[in-house]
């Protein structure tokens, strides 16, 4: 990192890309996905198929989206660490989302909506901050006219996974009603978002 000061900044949640680029502004670095992109929906479909068929997993985690810079700044202002700009979904997390018992009681997302997670993260209607848990709640109205069915994706920016270390991670997802959103602080609302 170049100094103990920079190391301390990194350990306190400062984005490593930002730190390196501040040290060497003439030669900025960029992440692979920023240069060549990725097809997260295709990867997610393959990941989901492996879980359904219980075959050996080619991956244990995938990137399904990235945090908006405005969201990162909001979290930093609240002193909430952000370990990675990329939002990950682990095999265990996806298995939890796809569980049939969860779907039967109306809490689990349909397969179609699970596959829409990258699209939702890219263009959510609203992002809220849960001040009780320090987690982000990404909301998306399936029917943008009546907004009767809201998809909620809960993201932990300071998650620690024993295998992957400190990452930004989808903790859970499901359907909610607007009445359950009273304790939240609005972070970001996209045009047309309800």
Protein backbone atom coordinates (compact mmCIF):
# COMPACT_ATOMS: atom_id res chain seq x y z
CA UNK A 1 0.00 0.00 0.00
CA UNK A 2 3.01 2.31 0.26
CA UNK A 3 2.50 3.38 3.89
CA UNK A 4 0.86 2.34 7.14
CA UNK A 5 -1.51 5.28 6.71
CA UNK A 6 -2.78 3.92 3.37
CA UNK A 7 -3.02 0.43 4.85
CA UNK A 8 -5.15 1.80 7.71
CA UNK A 9 -7.43 3.56 5.18
CA UNK A 10 -7.85 0.27 3.29
CA UNK A 11 -8.58 -1.67 6.49
CA UNK A 12 -11.21 0.96 7.38
CA UNK A 13 -13.11 0.25 4.17
CA UNK A 14 -11.53 2.65 1.65
CA UNK A 15 -11.81 1.27 -1.89
CA UNK A 16 -8.45 -0.13 -2.99
CA UNK A 17 -8.90 1.11 -6.55
CA UNK A 18 -9.44 4.64 -5.26
CA UNK A 19 -6.34 4.39 -3.03
CA UNK A 20 -4.08 3.18 -5.85
CA UNK A 21 -5.41 5.79 -8.25
CA UNK A 22 -4.81 8.54 -5.70
CA UNK A 23 -1.20 7.36 -5.34
CA UNK A 24 -0.62 7.12 -9.09
CA UNK A 25 -3.14 9.41 -10.85
CA UNK A 26 -1.14 9.38 -14.08
CA UNK A 27 -1.54 5.59 -14.40
CA UNK A 28 -5.00 4.71 -13.06
CA UNK A 29 -6.02 1.11 -12.63
CA UNK A 30 -9.45 -0.27 -13.46
CA UNK A 31 -11.11 -3.54 -12.61
CA UNK A 32 -11.44 -6.23 -15.25
CA UNK A 33 -15.24 -5.95 -15.30
CA UNK A 34 -15.02 -2.19 -15.92
CA UNK A 35 -12.86 -2.81 -18.98
CA UNK A 36 -14.44 -5.87 -20.60
CA UNK A 37 -17.74 -6.11 -18.72
CA UNK A 38 -19.46 -9.32 -17.68
CA UNK A 39 -22.68 -11.12 -18.43
CA UNK A 40 -24.00 -11.56 -14.91
CA UNK A 41 -27.44 -12.79 -16.03
CA UNK A 42 -25.87 -15.65 -18.01
CA UNK A 43 -23.59 -16.53 -15.08
CA UNK A 44 -26.52 -16.36 -12.67
CA UNK A 45 -28.59 -18.68 -14.87
CA UNK A 46 -25.75 -21.24 -14.93
CA UNK A 47 -25.27 -20.85 -11.16
CA UNK A 48 -29.00 -21.42 -10.58
CA UNK A 49 -29.08 -24.49 -12.85
CA UNK A 50 -26.17 -26.04 -10.93
CA UNK A 51 -28.02 -25.52 -7.65
CA UNK A 52 -31.25 -27.00 -9.01
CA UNK A 53 -29.51 -30.07 -10.46
CA UNK A 54 -27.12 -30.35 -7.50
CA UNK A 55 -24.16 -30.70 -9.85
CA UNK A 56 -20.64 -29.71 -8.90
CA UNK A 57 -20.39 -25.94 -8.78
CA UNK A 58 -18.06 -24.24 -11.22
CA UNK A 59 -18.02 -21.19 -8.93
CA UNK A 60 -18.84 -20.45 -5.31
CA UNK A 61 -19.64 -16.79 -5.86
CA UNK A 62 -20.47 -14.45 -8.73
CA UNK A 63 -20.72 -10.71 -9.23
CA UNK A 64 -24.33 -9.67 -9.88
CA UNK A 65 -23.93 -5.87 -9.81
CA UNK A 66 -22.02 -2.86 -8.52
CA UNK A 67 -22.81 -0.19 -5.94
CA UNK A 68 -23.62 3.27 -7.27
CA UNK A 69 -21.03 5.91 -6.25
CA UNK A 70 -23.81 7.95 -4.59
CA UNK A 71 -24.69 4.97 -2.40
CA UNK A 72 -21.04 4.47 -1.45
CA UNK A 73 -20.75 8.14 -0.48
CA UNK A 74 -23.95 7.93 1.61
CA UNK A 75 -22.58 4.90 3.48
CA UNK A 76 -19.22 6.57 4.09
CA UNK A 77 -21.03 9.62 5.48
CA UNK A 78 -22.82 7.23 7.88
CA UNK A 79 -19.46 5.56 8.77
CA UNK A 80 -20.62 2.24 7.32
CA UNK A 81 -17.69 0.39 5.73
CA UNK A 82 -17.90 -0.68 2.10
CA UNK A 83 -15.56 -3.61 1.41
CA UNK A 84 -16.18 -3.98 -2.33
CA UNK A 85 -17.99 -1.95 -4.95
CA UNK A 86 -18.99 -5.22 -6.60
CA UNK A 87 -22.08 -6.96 -5.20
CA UNK A 88 -21.61 -10.71 -4.80
CA UNK A 89 -24.01 -13.61 -4.52
CA UNK A 90 -22.63 -16.82 -3.03
CA UNK A 91 -23.70 -20.37 -3.78
CA UNK A 92 -25.21 -20.65 -0.29
CA UNK A 93 -27.09 -17.34 -0.68
CA UNK A 94 -28.51 -18.31 -4.06
CA UNK A 95 -29.51 -21.72 -2.72
CA UNK A 96 -31.38 -19.92 0.07
CA UNK A 97 -33.18 -17.63 -2.42
CA UNK A 98 -34.19 -20.55 -4.62
CA UNK A 99 -35.45 -22.80 -1.79
CA UNK A 100 -38.88 -24.26 -2.59
CA UNK A 101 -40.10 -24.06 1.02
CA UNK A 102 -39.44 -20.32 0.99
CA UNK A 103 -41.41 -19.93 -2.25
CA UNK A 104 -44.36 -21.96 -0.93
CA UNK A 105 -44.87 -19.54 1.95
CA UNK A 106 -44.63 -16.57 -0.43
CA UNK A 107 -41.27 -15.29 0.82
CA UNK A 108 -38.95 -16.60 -1.88
CA UNK A 109 -38.40 -15.05 -5.30
CA UNK A 110 -39.55 -16.84 -8.42
CA UNK A 111 -36.82 -18.17 -10.70
CA UNK A 112 -37.68 -15.42 -13.19
CA UNK A 113 -37.15 -12.74 -10.53
CA UNK A 114 -33.91 -14.34 -9.29
CA UNK A 115 -32.58 -14.07 -12.84
CA UNK A 116 -33.61 -10.38 -12.89
CA UNK A 117 -31.35 -9.53 -9.91
CA UNK A 118 -28.54 -8.06 -12.09
CA UNK A 119 -31.08 -5.92 -13.95
CA UNK A 120 -32.69 -4.79 -10.67
CA UNK A 121 -29.33 -3.88 -9.14
CA UNK A 122 -28.42 -1.90 -12.24
CA UNK A 123 -31.66 0.07 -12.27
CA UNK A 124 -33.53 -0.17 -8.95
CA UNK A 125 -36.56 2.01 -8.28
CA UNK A 126 -35.38 2.96 -4.78
CA UNK A 127 -32.54 2.14 -2.41
CA UNK A 128 -33.14 2.47 1.32
CA UNK A 129 -30.80 2.23 4.29
CA UNK A 130 -31.96 0.23 7.29
CA UNK A 131 -30.55 2.18 10.24
CA UNK A 132 -31.18 -0.74 12.61
CA UNK A 133 -29.01 -3.19 10.68
CA UNK A 134 -26.76 -0.91 8.54
CA UNK A 135 -27.88 -2.83 5.44
CA UNK A 136 -29.09 -1.57 2.07
CA UNK A 137 -32.53 -2.50 0.81
CA UNK A 138 -32.85 -2.35 -2.96
CA UNK A 139 -36.49 -2.12 -4.07
CA UNK A 140 -38.00 -2.81 -7.45
CA UNK A 141 -41.72 -2.66 -8.33
CA UNK A 142 -42.70 -5.54 -10.57
CA UNK A 143 -45.77 -3.62 -11.71
CA UNK A 144 -44.67 0.01 -11.92
CA UNK A 145 -48.26 1.27 -12.16
CA UNK A 146 -49.80 -0.20 -8.99
CA UNK A 147 -46.56 -1.38 -7.33
CA UNK A 148 -48.45 -4.20 -5.61
CA UNK A 149 -45.51 -6.58 -5.70
CA UNK A 150 -42.19 -5.14 -4.53
CA UNK A 151 -38.95 -7.10 -4.83
CA UNK A 152 -36.57 -6.34 -1.97
CA UNK A 153 -32.89 -7.30 -2.11
CA UNK A 154 -30.95 -6.91 1.14
CA UNK A 155 -27.27 -6.06 0.70
CA UNK A 156 -24.60 -6.12 3.42
CA UNK A 157 -21.64 -3.93 2.46
CA UNK A 158 -19.57 -5.06 5.45
CA UNK A 159 -20.13 -8.80 5.20
CA UNK A 160 -17.37 -11.19 6.18
CA UNK A 161 -17.31 -14.60 4.54
CA UNK A 162 -14.85 -17.12 5.98
CA UNK A 163 -13.78 -18.26 2.50
CA UNK A 164 -13.91 -14.98 0.55
CA UNK A 165 -13.04 -12.40 3.21
CA UNK A 166 -14.64 -8.95 3.32
CA UNK A 167 -17.14 -8.51 0.49
CA UNK A 168 -20.39 -6.73 -0.33
CA UNK A 169 -22.94 -9.51 -0.30
CA UNK A 170 -26.61 -10.14 -1.02
CA UNK A 171 -27.95 -11.50 2.27
CA UNK A 172 -31.50 -12.27 1.21
CA UNK A 173 -34.29 -11.24 -1.16
CA UNK A 174 -38.04 -11.59 -1.35
CA UNK A 175 -41.34 -9.81 -1.80
CA UNK A 176 -42.51 -7.07 0.59
CA UNK A 177 -45.29 -4.55 0.97
CA UNK A 178 -44.65 -0.81 1.28
CA UNK A 179 -45.95 -0.72 4.86
CA UNK A 180 -42.84 -2.61 6.02
CA UNK A 181 -40.47 0.21 4.99
CA UNK A 182 -41.08 2.74 7.79
CA UNK A 183 -37.69 2.50 9.56
CA UNK A 184 -35.69 3.11 6.39
CA UNK A 185 -33.82 6.18 5.14
CA UNK A 186 -34.03 6.83 1.41
CA UNK A 187 -30.60 6.77 -0.23
CA UNK A 188 -31.39 6.86 -3.92
CA UNK A 189 -34.53 7.09 -6.06
CA UNK A 190 -34.35 6.61 -9.81
CA UNK A 191 -36.52 8.55 -12.23
CA UNK A 192 -39.94 6.97 -12.27
CA UNK A 193 -39.18 5.06 -9.04
CA UNK A 194 -42.04 4.77 -6.54
